[in-house]
Protein backbone atom coordinates (compact mmCIF):
# COMPACT_ATOMS: atom_id res chain seq x y z
CA MET A 1 -88.74 -34.06 39.95
CA LYS A 2 -86.43 -30.82 39.17
CA PRO A 3 -87.19 -27.72 37.87
CA LEU A 4 -87.62 -27.43 34.07
CA LYS A 5 -84.80 -24.85 33.92
CA GLU A 6 -82.49 -27.50 34.95
CA MET A 7 -83.50 -30.31 32.80
CA THR A 8 -81.73 -31.60 29.70
CA ILE A 9 -82.94 -31.41 26.28
CA GLY A 10 -84.11 -35.23 26.35
CA GLU A 11 -85.91 -34.77 29.67
CA ILE A 12 -87.16 -31.84 28.57
CA ALA A 13 -88.64 -33.89 25.50
CA ALA A 14 -89.80 -36.88 27.35
CA TYR A 15 -91.75 -34.53 29.91
CA VAL A 16 -93.61 -32.84 26.89
CA ALA A 17 -94.21 -36.03 25.03
CA ALA A 18 -95.96 -37.72 28.44
CA HIS A 19 -98.04 -34.91 28.86
CA LEU A 20 -99.09 -35.01 25.52
CA ARG A 21 -99.46 -39.40 25.80
CA GLN A 22 -101.31 -38.76 28.82
CA GLY A 23 -104.17 -36.17 27.15
CA GLY A 24 -104.02 -39.02 23.96
CA VAL A 25 -101.77 -37.47 21.64
CA GLU A 26 -98.60 -39.77 20.55
CA VAL A 27 -95.89 -37.79 18.55
CA VAL A 28 -92.15 -38.35 17.81
CA LEU A 29 -89.21 -36.15 18.17
CA THR A 30 -87.52 -35.52 14.92
CA GLY A 31 -84.99 -32.79 13.95
CA GLY A 32 -82.10 -31.41 15.34
CA SER A 33 -83.08 -31.90 18.99
CA CYS A 34 -82.67 -35.61 17.84
CA VAL A 35 -79.03 -34.98 17.12
CA SER A 36 -78.67 -32.91 20.15
CA ILE A 37 -79.68 -36.08 22.23
CA TYR A 38 -77.59 -38.64 20.16
CA THR A 39 -74.46 -36.54 19.78
CA ASP A 40 -74.76 -35.60 23.87
CA ASN A 41 -75.35 -31.97 23.09
CA ARG A 42 -72.27 -31.23 20.65
CA TYR A 43 -75.13 -29.81 18.53
CA LEU A 44 -77.35 -27.86 20.39
CA SER A 45 -80.79 -27.39 18.81
CA TYR A 46 -83.37 -25.35 21.03
CA ASP A 47 -86.58 -26.37 19.04
CA LEU A 48 -88.15 -29.84 19.82
CA ASP A 49 -90.16 -30.83 16.77
CA PHE A 50 -92.77 -33.38 17.33
CA ILE A 51 -94.79 -34.96 14.62
CA GLU A 52 -98.22 -36.35 15.35
CA VAL A 53 -98.97 -40.01 15.02
CA GLY A 54 -102.86 -39.96 14.47
CA ARG A 55 -104.53 -36.12 14.44
CA ALA A 56 -105.15 -34.10 17.27
CA SER A 57 -106.56 -30.57 17.03
CA ARG A 58 -103.77 -27.77 17.94
CA LYS A 59 -106.70 -26.71 20.35
CA LYS A 60 -106.25 -29.96 22.31
CA ILE A 61 -102.24 -30.05 21.97
CA ALA A 62 -102.58 -26.47 23.15
CA ALA A 63 -104.70 -27.18 25.83
CA ILE A 64 -102.69 -29.87 27.35
CA LEU A 65 -99.20 -28.16 27.14
CA MET A 66 -100.73 -25.09 29.04
CA GLU A 67 -101.14 -27.71 32.11
CA ILE A 68 -97.39 -27.70 32.29
CA GLY A 69 -96.70 -23.90 31.32
CA PHE A 70 -96.32 -24.03 27.73
CA LEU A 71 -98.19 -20.96 25.88
CA GLU A 72 -98.63 -20.77 22.29
CA LYS A 73 -96.71 -17.93 20.72
CA ASP A 74 -97.01 -17.85 17.18
CA ARG A 75 -96.11 -21.22 15.75
CA TYR A 76 -94.25 -22.40 18.86
CA PHE A 77 -94.93 -23.22 22.50
CA ILE A 78 -92.50 -21.25 24.81
CA HIS A 79 -92.20 -21.68 28.22
CA PRO A 80 -90.52 -18.89 30.90
CA ASP A 81 -88.36 -21.89 32.57
CA THR A 82 -86.45 -22.60 29.62
CA MET A 83 -84.90 -21.75 26.53
CA TYR A 84 -86.28 -24.98 24.53
CA PHE A 85 -89.55 -24.18 22.24
CA VAL A 86 -92.03 -26.85 21.25
CA GLU A 87 -93.10 -27.46 17.12
CA PHE A 88 -95.06 -29.42 15.43
CA PRO A 89 -94.21 -29.70 11.94
CA SER A 90 -96.81 -31.16 9.66
CA GLY A 91 -96.69 -34.75 8.72
CA PRO A 92 -96.78 -37.62 7.95
CA LEU A 93 -93.58 -38.79 9.62
CA ALA A 94 -91.31 -39.15 6.68
CA LEU A 95 -87.61 -39.39 5.42
CA GLY A 96 -87.79 -38.07 1.89
CA ALA A 97 -90.08 -40.08 -0.09
CA GLU A 98 -90.16 -42.83 2.60
CA PRO A 99 -91.99 -43.19 5.96
CA ALA A 100 -89.50 -43.22 8.79
CA GLY A 101 -88.90 -46.96 10.14
CA ALA A 102 -88.62 -48.44 13.78
CA ILE A 103 -89.08 -46.08 16.14
CA ALA A 104 -86.53 -45.75 19.18
CA GLU A 105 -87.30 -45.24 22.82
CA LEU A 106 -85.39 -43.53 25.62
CA GLU A 107 -86.35 -43.48 29.12
CA PHE A 108 -85.64 -40.47 31.10
CA ALA A 109 -86.75 -39.52 34.63
CA THR A 110 -89.71 -37.62 33.33
CA GLY A 111 -91.02 -40.20 30.80
CA THR A 112 -90.52 -42.16 28.03
CA LEU A 113 -89.49 -40.43 24.47
CA ARG A 114 -90.32 -41.81 21.56
CA LEU A 115 -87.66 -40.49 18.35
CA LEU A 116 -86.36 -40.99 15.58
CA SER A 117 -83.62 -44.12 15.64
CA PRO A 118 -80.17 -42.93 15.25
CA THR A 119 -80.13 -44.38 11.46
CA ASP A 120 -83.51 -42.64 10.82
CA CYS A 121 -82.27 -39.27 12.41
CA VAL A 122 -78.99 -39.54 9.89
CA LYS A 123 -81.63 -39.70 7.10
CA ASP A 124 -83.43 -37.01 8.18
CA ARG A 125 -80.29 -34.64 7.98
CA LEU A 126 -79.15 -36.25 4.84
CA ALA A 127 -82.73 -35.43 3.42
CA GLY A 128 -81.96 -31.46 4.27
CA TYR A 129 -78.69 -32.05 2.59
CA TYR A 130 -79.27 -33.60 -0.69
CA HIS A 131 -82.02 -31.36 -1.19
CA TRP A 132 -81.41 -28.22 -0.19
CA LEU A 133 -77.97 -28.49 0.01
CA ASP A 134 -77.89 -27.38 3.86
CA ARG A 135 -74.18 -28.27 4.96
CA GLN A 136 -74.98 -28.01 8.46
CA CYS A 137 -77.21 -30.90 8.11
CA LEU A 138 -74.51 -32.74 6.49
CA GLU A 139 -72.28 -32.09 9.52
CA GLN A 140 -75.05 -33.18 11.99
CA ALA A 141 -75.63 -36.40 9.89
CA ILE A 142 -71.70 -36.90 10.68
CA MET A 143 -72.27 -36.37 14.28
CA VAL A 144 -74.69 -38.47 14.97
CA ALA A 145 -73.14 -41.31 12.56
CA HIS A 146 -70.04 -40.87 14.69
CA ASP A 147 -71.90 -40.54 17.85
CA ALA A 148 -74.10 -43.61 17.60
CA GLU A 149 -75.01 -46.94 16.09
CA ILE A 150 -75.99 -46.66 12.56
CA ASP A 151 -76.92 -48.92 9.62
CA LEU A 152 -75.01 -47.41 7.19
CA GLU A 153 -75.84 -50.08 4.37
CA GLU A 154 -79.34 -48.71 5.33
CA VAL A 155 -78.67 -45.17 4.81
CA GLU A 156 -77.15 -46.11 1.39
CA ARG A 157 -80.22 -48.06 0.30
CA TRP A 158 -82.56 -44.92 1.17
CA SER A 159 -79.82 -42.28 -0.49
CA GLN A 160 -80.32 -43.98 -3.83
CA GLN A 161 -83.96 -44.24 -3.37
CA GLU A 162 -83.77 -40.48 -2.93
CA GLY A 163 -81.74 -40.11 -6.36
CA MET A 164 -78.87 -39.37 -4.44
CA GLY A 165 -76.48 -42.42 -4.78
CA GLU A 166 -73.33 -40.59 -6.26
CA GLU A 167 -73.75 -38.07 -3.56
CA PHE A 168 -73.75 -40.41 -1.10
CA GLU A 169 -70.66 -42.40 -2.15
CA ARG A 170 -69.12 -38.99 -1.87
CA ILE A 171 -69.74 -38.60 1.46
CA LYS A 172 -69.93 -41.94 2.70
CA THR A 173 -66.30 -41.80 4.35
CA PHE A 174 -67.40 -38.80 6.43
CA LEU A 175 -70.20 -41.13 7.88
CA LEU A 176 -67.55 -43.72 8.92
CA ALA A 177 -66.95 -43.91 12.51
CA GLN A 178 -63.64 -42.42 13.74
């Protein structure tokens, strides 16, 4: 296995997730790091946001991550050999008012990574735009929509459920692949 400092964000995320899984902790990657993976790092994120599936104590998670060199600092886990850091936002795994749909799996030399599907990644980013007017989240949603295959009708249905049907119609053309 190559050194951590030479790993991509996907390889590190899979490495962390595989070790957590071996320790009995199932996680799904969300947030900006999904955008980084789906856009081949056109958007750079340095935080790996994992949502737990089930419940594990922070102490158990910290012990598993310490085995692979990550140390807890404030609410993050950091490693001296990488700029990427690990965080565990509180669950459940949801996109606005709805639970996440199908979870994608990507294979890396370092393990299997479970993460939001491209469609749910777009919804996750649009949630930030819709509810907090975060333009950077809109830009990230557009990048994923252009770089990965998404179900635009599902994004539209979800947007309407979120009370954002009109806003979706306004931004829809930006989400269409070019």
